Amino acid sequence: MEKAKVERINYLARESKVRELTAEEKAEQAELRKEYLADIRASFGGMLDNTVIKRPDGSVEKLKKNK
């Protein structure tokens, strides 16, 4: 996610503590948060795809996806 978008999320979060956000700002905040969470989930999924388990007997096994 772009740095400017993260800064905008943080700005809106700080402003919401000081004053009531407008309907447009609330919609923007919700959309930015949705995009941010999607990026985090994709990144975390990528990490799990490259994670392996090393067993005591020395064998190495990739993690399996639960469905």
PDB file of N, CA and C in Angstrom:
ATOM      1  N   MET A   1       0.854  -1.171   0.000  1.00  0.00           N
ATOM      2  CA  MET A   1       0.000   0.000   0.000  1.00  0.00           C
ATOM      3  C   MET A   1       0.900   1.233   0.000  1.00  0.00           C
ATOM      4  N   GLU A   2       0.468   2.227  -0.697  1.00  0.00           N
ATOM      5  CA  GLU A   2       1.250   3.448  -0.821  1.00  0.00           C
ATOM      6  C   GLU A   2       1.339   4.185   0.520  1.00  0.00           C
ATOM      7  N   LYS A   3       2.466   4.824   0.721  1.00  0.00           N
ATOM      8  CA  LYS A   3       2.694   5.545   1.966  1.00  0.00           C
ATOM      9  C   LYS A   3       1.665   6.656   2.170  1.00  0.00           C
ATOM     10  N   ALA A   4       1.274   7.318   1.102  1.00  0.00           N
ATOM     11  CA  ALA A   4       0.297   8.407   1.202  1.00  0.00           C
ATOM     12  C   ALA A   4      -1.046   7.888   1.710  1.00  0.00           C
ATOM     13  N   LYS A   5      -1.433   6.693   1.287  1.00  0.00           N
ATOM     14  CA  LYS A   5      -2.702   6.127   1.744  1.00  0.00           C
ATOM     15  C   LYS A   5      -2.647   5.768   3.221  1.00  0.00           C
ATOM     16  N   VAL A   6      -1.514   5.221   3.664  1.00  0.00           N
ATOM     17  CA  VAL A   6      -1.352   4.887   5.084  1.00  0.00           C
ATOM     18  C   VAL A   6      -1.397   6.162   5.920  1.00  0.00           C
ATOM     19  N   GLU A   7      -0.740   7.206   5.442  1.00  0.00           N
ATOM     20  CA  GLU A   7      -0.773   8.487   6.151  1.00  0.00           C
ATOM     21  C   GLU A   7      -2.191   9.039   6.218  1.00  0.00           C
ATOM     22  N   ARG A   8      -2.968   8.863   5.159  1.00  0.00           N
ATOM     23  CA  ARG A   8      -4.353   9.335   5.143  1.00  0.00           C
ATOM     24  C   ARG A   8      -5.201   8.540   6.147  1.00  0.00           C
ATOM     25  N   ILE A   9      -4.983   7.231   6.236  1.00  0.00           N
ATOM     26  CA  ILE A   9      -5.687   6.408   7.232  1.00  0.00           C
ATOM     27  C   ILE A   9      -5.385   6.921   8.627  1.00  0.00           C
ATOM     28  N   ASN A  10      -4.114   7.170   8.893  1.00  0.00           N
ATOM     29  CA  ASN A  10      -3.711   7.654  10.213  1.00  0.00           C
ATOM     30  C   ASN A  10      -4.286   9.040  10.507  1.00  0.00           C
ATOM     31  N   TYR A  11      -4.310   9.897   9.505  1.00  0.00           N
ATOM     32  CA  TYR A  11      -4.877  11.235   9.674  1.00  0.00           C
ATOM     33  C   TYR A  11      -6.361  11.146  10.037  1.00  0.00           C
ATOM     34  N   LEU A  12      -7.089  10.331   9.296  1.00  0.00           N
ATOM     35  CA  LEU A  12      -8.526  10.198   9.569  1.00  0.00           C
ATOM     36  C   LEU A  12      -8.774   9.593  10.950  1.00  0.00           C
ATOM     37  N   ALA A  13      -7.922   8.673  11.368  1.00  0.00           N
ATOM     38  CA  ALA A  13      -8.068   8.079  12.696  1.00  0.00           C
ATOM     39  C   ALA A  13      -7.848   9.136  13.783  1.00  0.00           C
ATOM     40  N   ARG A  14      -6.822   9.973  13.592  1.00  0.00           N
ATOM     41  CA  ARG A  14      -6.567  11.043  14.582  1.00  0.00           C
ATOM     42  C   ARG A  14      -7.713  12.041  14.608  1.00  0.00           C
ATOM     43  N   GLU A  15      -8.208  12.414  13.436  1.00  0.00           N
ATOM     44  CA  GLU A  15      -9.301  13.380  13.352  1.00  0.00           C
ATOM     45  C   GLU A  15     -10.582  12.838  13.984  1.00  0.00           C
ATOM     46  N   SER A  16     -10.822  11.544  13.859  1.00  0.00           N
ATOM     47  CA  SER A  16     -12.044  10.963  14.413  1.00  0.00           C
ATOM     48  C   SER A  16     -12.048  11.024  15.935  1.00  0.00           C
ATOM     49  N   LYS A  17     -10.870  11.133  16.532  1.00  0.00           N
ATOM     50  CA  LYS A  17     -10.789  11.259  17.988  1.00  0.00           C
ATOM     51  C   LYS A  17     -11.064  12.696  18.442  1.00  0.00           C
ATOM     52  N   VAL A  18     -10.853  13.651  17.537  1.00  0.00           N
ATOM     53  CA  VAL A  18     -11.018  15.065  17.862  1.00  0.00           C
ATOM     54  C   VAL A  18     -12.414  15.568  17.514  1.00  0.00           C
ATOM     55  N   ARG A  19     -12.931  15.100  16.375  1.00  0.00           N
ATOM     56  CA  ARG A  19     -14.228  15.586  15.899  1.00  0.00           C
ATOM     57  C   ARG A  19     -14.961  14.470  15.176  1.00  0.00           C
ATOM     58  N   GLU A  20     -16.218  14.706  14.907  1.00  0.00           N
ATOM     59  CA  GLU A  20     -17.023  13.757  14.138  1.00  0.00           C
ATOM     60  C   GLU A  20     -16.655  13.873  12.658  1.00  0.00           C
ATOM     61  N   LEU A  21     -16.344  12.748  12.035  1.00  0.00           N
ATOM     62  CA  LEU A  21     -16.005  12.766  10.616  1.00  0.00           C
ATOM     63  C   LEU A  21     -17.268  12.930   9.779  1.00  0.00           C
ATOM     64  N   THR A  22     -17.100  13.544   8.614  1.00  0.00           N
ATOM     65  CA  THR A  22     -18.233  13.689   7.693  1.00  0.00           C
ATOM     66  C   THR A  22     -18.531  12.326   7.066  1.00  0.00           C
ATOM     67  N   ALA A  23     -19.660  12.231   6.417  1.00  0.00           N
ATOM     68  CA  ALA A  23     -20.045  10.968   5.774  1.00  0.00           C
ATOM     69  C   ALA A  23     -19.035  10.571   4.696  1.00  0.00           C
ATOM     70  N   GLU A  24     -18.539  11.554   3.952  1.00  0.00           N
ATOM     71  CA  GLU A  24     -17.544  11.270   2.911  1.00  0.00           C
ATOM     72  C   GLU A  24     -16.249  10.757   3.531  1.00  0.00           C
ATOM     73  N   GLU A  25     -15.827  11.387   4.625  1.00  0.00           N
ATOM     74  CA  GLU A  25     -14.595  10.953   5.296  1.00  0.00           C
ATOM     75  C   GLU A  25     -14.748   9.549   5.876  1.00  0.00           C
ATOM     76  N   LYS A  26     -15.908   9.252   6.440  1.00  0.00           N
ATOM     77  CA  LYS A  26     -16.145   7.915   6.984  1.00  0.00           C
ATOM     78  C   LYS A  26     -16.111   6.863   5.881  1.00  0.00           C
ATOM     79  N   ALA A  27     -16.692   7.182   4.727  1.00  0.00           N
ATOM     80  CA  ALA A  27     -16.681   6.252   3.595  1.00  0.00           C
ATOM     81  C   ALA A  27     -15.247   6.050   3.088  1.00  0.00           C
ATOM     82  N   GLU A  28     -14.492   7.138   3.007  1.00  0.00           N
ATOM     83  CA  GLU A  28     -13.102   7.056   2.570  1.00  0.00           C
ATOM     84  C   GLU A  28     -12.288   6.218   3.552  1.00  0.00           C
ATOM     85  N   GLN A  29     -12.491   6.444   4.843  1.00  0.00           N
ATOM     86  CA  GLN A  29     -11.774   5.705   5.879  1.00  0.00           C
ATOM     87  C   GLN A  29     -12.092   4.206   5.777  1.00  0.00           C
ATOM     88  N   ALA A  30     -13.354   3.868   5.590  1.00  0.00           N
ATOM     89  CA  ALA A  30     -13.745   2.466   5.477  1.00  0.00           C
ATOM     90  C   ALA A  30     -13.108   1.809   4.255  1.00  0.00           C
ATOM     91  N   GLU A  31     -13.090   2.517   3.141  1.00  0.00           N
ATOM     92  CA  GLU A  31     -12.504   1.973   1.917  1.00  0.00           C
ATOM     93  C   GLU A  31     -10.996   1.784   2.067  1.00  0.00           C
ATOM     94  N   LEU A  32     -10.318   2.769   2.671  1.00  0.00           N
ATOM     95  CA  LEU A  32      -8.873   2.662   2.875  1.00  0.00           C
ATOM     96  C   LEU A  32      -8.539   1.518   3.830  1.00  0.00           C
ATOM     97  N   ARG A  33      -9.321   1.362   4.882  1.00  0.00           N
ATOM     98  CA  ARG A  33      -9.087   0.263   5.826  1.00  0.00           C
ATOM     99  C   ARG A  33      -9.279  -1.085   5.146  1.00  0.00           C
ATOM    100  N   LYS A  34     -10.300  -1.187   4.303  1.00  0.00           N
ATOM    101  CA  LYS A  34     -10.578  -2.430   3.577  1.00  0.00           C
ATOM    102  C   LYS A  34      -9.390  -2.786   2.679  1.00  0.00           C
ATOM    103  N   GLU A  35      -8.865  -1.795   1.973  1.00  0.00           N
ATOM    104  CA  GLU A  35      -7.717  -2.013   1.100  1.00  0.00           C
ATOM    105  C   GLU A  35      -6.478  -2.400   1.903  1.00  0.00           C
ATOM    106  N   TYR A  36      -6.268  -1.733   3.044  1.00  0.00           N
ATOM    107  CA  TYR A  36      -5.123  -2.010   3.906  1.00  0.00           C
ATOM    108  C   TYR A  36      -5.173  -3.448   4.428  1.00  0.00           C
ATOM    109  N   LEU A  37      -6.338  -3.871   4.898  1.00  0.00           N
ATOM    110  CA  LEU A  37      -6.482  -5.234   5.409  1.00  0.00           C
ATOM    111  C   LEU A  37      -6.274  -6.270   4.314  1.00  0.00           C
ATOM    112  N   ALA A  38      -6.734  -5.984   3.109  1.00  0.00           N
ATOM    113  CA  ALA A  38      -6.524  -6.906   1.993  1.00  0.00           C
ATOM    114  C   ALA A  38      -5.029  -7.061   1.702  1.00  0.00           C
ATOM    115  N   ASP A  39      -4.286  -5.971   1.755  1.00  0.00           N
ATOM    116  CA  ASP A  39      -2.839  -6.028   1.537  1.00  0.00           C
ATOM    117  C   ASP A  39      -2.143  -6.832   2.631  1.00  0.00           C
ATOM    118  N   ILE A  40      -2.550  -6.641   3.876  1.00  0.00           N
ATOM    119  CA  ILE A  40      -1.951  -7.379   4.989  1.00  0.00           C
ATOM    120  C   ILE A  40      -2.240  -8.869   4.857  1.00  0.00           C
ATOM    121  N   ARG A  41      -3.470  -9.209   4.518  1.00  0.00           N
ATOM    122  CA  ARG A  41      -3.832 -10.629   4.365  1.00  0.00           C
ATOM    123  C   ARG A  41      -3.047 -11.277   3.232  1.00  0.00           C
ATOM    124  N   ALA A  42      -2.876 -10.561   2.134  1.00  0.00           N
ATOM    125  CA  ALA A  42      -2.109 -11.099   1.007  1.00  0.00           C
ATOM    126  C   ALA A  42      -0.644 -11.297   1.399  1.00  0.00           C
ATOM    127  N   SER A  43      -0.093 -10.343   2.125  1.00  0.00           N
ATOM    128  CA  SER A  43       1.291 -10.442   2.561  1.00  0.00           C
ATOM    129  C   SER A  43       1.481 -11.620   3.514  1.00  0.00           C
ATOM    130  N   PHE A  44       0.557 -11.761   4.451  1.00  0.00           N
ATOM    131  CA  PHE A  44       0.639 -12.847   5.420  1.00  0.00           C
ATOM    132  C   PHE A  44       0.489 -14.202   4.714  1.00  0.00           C
ATOM    133  N   GLY A  45      -0.408 -14.267   3.744  1.00  0.00           N
ATOM    134  CA  GLY A  45      -0.581 -15.502   2.971  1.00  0.00           C
ATOM    135  C   GLY A  45       0.690 -15.866   2.235  1.00  0.00           C
ATOM    136  N   GLY A  46       1.378 -14.868   1.702  1.00  0.00           N
ATOM    137  CA  GLY A  46       2.644 -15.111   1.020  1.00  0.00           C
ATOM    138  C   GLY A  46       3.708 -15.651   1.959  1.00  0.00           C
ATOM    139  N   MET A  47       3.732 -15.139   3.180  1.00  0.00           N
ATOM    140  CA  MET A  47       4.689 -15.645   4.166  1.00  0.00           C
ATOM    141  C   MET A  47       4.391 -17.105   4.496  1.00  0.00           C
ATOM    142  N   LEU A  48       3.108 -17.418   4.667  1.00  0.00           N
ATOM    143  CA  LEU A  48       2.747 -18.790   5.004  1.00  0.00           C
ATOM    144  C   LEU A  48       3.040 -19.752   3.862  1.00  0.00           C
ATOM    145  N   ASP A  49       2.949 -19.283   2.625  1.00  0.00           N
ATOM    146  CA  ASP A  49       3.262 -20.133   1.476  1.00  0.00           C
ATOM    147  C   ASP A  49       4.731 -20.552   1.474  1.00  0.00           C
ATOM    148  N   ASN A  50       5.581 -19.738   2.059  1.00  0.00           N
ATOM    149  CA  ASN A  50       7.017 -20.018   2.082  1.00  0.00           C
ATOM    150  C   ASN A  50       7.494 -20.574   3.417  1.00  0.00           C
ATOM    151  N   THR A  51       6.571 -20.968   4.279  1.00  0.00           N
ATOM    152  CA  THR A  51       6.924 -21.490   5.590  1.00  0.00           C
ATOM    153  C   THR A  51       6.987 -23.008   5.544  1.00  0.00           C
ATOM    154  N   VAL A  52       8.018 -23.553   6.180  1.00  0.00           N
ATOM    155  CA  VAL A  52       8.171 -25.005   6.244  1.00  0.00           C
ATOM    156  C   VAL A  52       8.286 -25.439   7.705  1.00  0.00           C
ATOM    157  N   ILE A  53       7.959 -26.701   7.933  1.00  0.00           N
ATOM    158  CA  ILE A  53       8.082 -27.294   9.265  1.00  0.00           C
ATOM    159  C   ILE A  53       9.222 -28.302   9.209  1.00  0.00           C
ATOM    160  N   LYS A  54      10.166 -28.167  10.135  1.00  0.00           N
ATOM    161  CA  LYS A  54      11.262 -29.117  10.208  1.00  0.00           C
ATOM    162  C   LYS A  54      10.976 -30.072  11.364  1.00  0.00           C
ATOM    163  N   ARG A  55      10.820 -31.330  11.044  1.00  0.00           N
ATOM    164  CA  ARG A  55      10.499 -32.371  12.021  1.00  0.00           C
ATOM    165  C   ARG A  55      11.768 -32.817  12.763  1.00  0.00           C
ATOM    166  N   PRO A  56      11.585 -33.386  13.963  1.00  0.00           N
ATOM    167  CA  PRO A  56      12.757 -33.859  14.735  1.00  0.00           C
ATOM    168  C   PRO A  56      13.601 -34.891  13.982  1.00  0.00           C
ATOM    169  N   ASP A  57      12.994 -35.645  13.064  1.00  0.00           N
ATOM    170  CA  ASP A  57      13.765 -36.639  12.316  1.00  0.00           C
ATOM    171  C   ASP A  57      14.545 -36.017  11.147  1.00  0.00           C
ATOM    172  N   GLY A  58      14.404 -34.693  10.962  1.00  0.00           N
ATOM    173  CA  GLY A  58      15.153 -33.989   9.928  1.00  0.00           C
ATOM    174  C   GLY A  58      14.371 -33.741   8.655  1.00  0.00           C
ATOM    175  N   SER A  59      13.195 -34.303   8.550  1.00  0.00           N
ATOM    176  CA  SER A  59      12.399 -34.087   7.339  1.00  0.00           C
ATOM    177  C   SER A  59      11.801 -32.680   7.343  1.00  0.00           C
ATOM    178  N   VAL A  60      11.598 -32.149   6.149  1.00  0.00           N
ATOM    179  CA  VAL A  60      11.057 -30.804   5.984  1.00  0.00           C
ATOM    180  C   VAL A  60       9.741 -30.916   5.231  1.00  0.00           C
ATOM    181  N   GLU A  61       8.727 -30.208   5.709  1.00  0.00           N
ATOM    182  CA  GLU A  61       7.391 -30.304   5.132  1.00  0.00           C
ATOM    183  C   GLU A  61       6.807 -28.907   4.999  1.00  0.00           C
ATOM    184  N   LYS A  62       6.213 -28.614   3.835  1.00  0.00           N
ATOM    185  CA  LYS A  62       5.532 -27.323   3.646  1.00  0.00           C
ATOM    186  C   LYS A  62       4.225 -27.328   4.389  1.00  0.00           C
ATOM    187  N   LEU A  63       3.769 -26.134   4.785  1.00  0.00           N
ATOM    188  CA  LEU A  63       2.462 -26.009   5.418  1.00  0.00           C
ATOM    189  C   LEU A  63       1.373 -26.305   4.406  1.00  0.00           C
ATOM    190  N   LYS A  64       0.300 -26.935   4.870  1.00  0.00           N
ATOM    191  CA  LYS A  64      -0.826 -27.234   3.999  1.00  0.00           C
ATOM    192  C   LYS A  64      -1.939 -26.229   4.279  1.00  0.00           C
ATOM    193  N   LYS A  65      -2.664 -25.855   3.228  1.00  0.00           N
ATOM    194  CA  LYS A  65      -3.773 -24.924   3.390  1.00  0.00           C
ATOM    195  C   LYS A  65      -4.986 -25.666   3.893  1.00  0.00           C
ATOM    196  N   ASN A  66      -5.646 -25.091   4.894  1.00  0.00           N
ATOM    197  CA  ASN A  66      -6.926 -25.608   5.364  1.00  0.00           C
ATOM    198  C   ASN A  66      -8.028 -24.969   4.559  1.00  0.00           C
ATOM    199  N   LYS A  67      -9.025 -25.740   4.214  1.00  0.00           N
ATOM    200  CA  LYS A  67     -10.119 -25.178   3.425  1.00  0.00           C
ATOM    201  C   LYS A  67     -11.384 -25.204   4.198  1.00  0.00           C
TER     202      LYS A  67
END
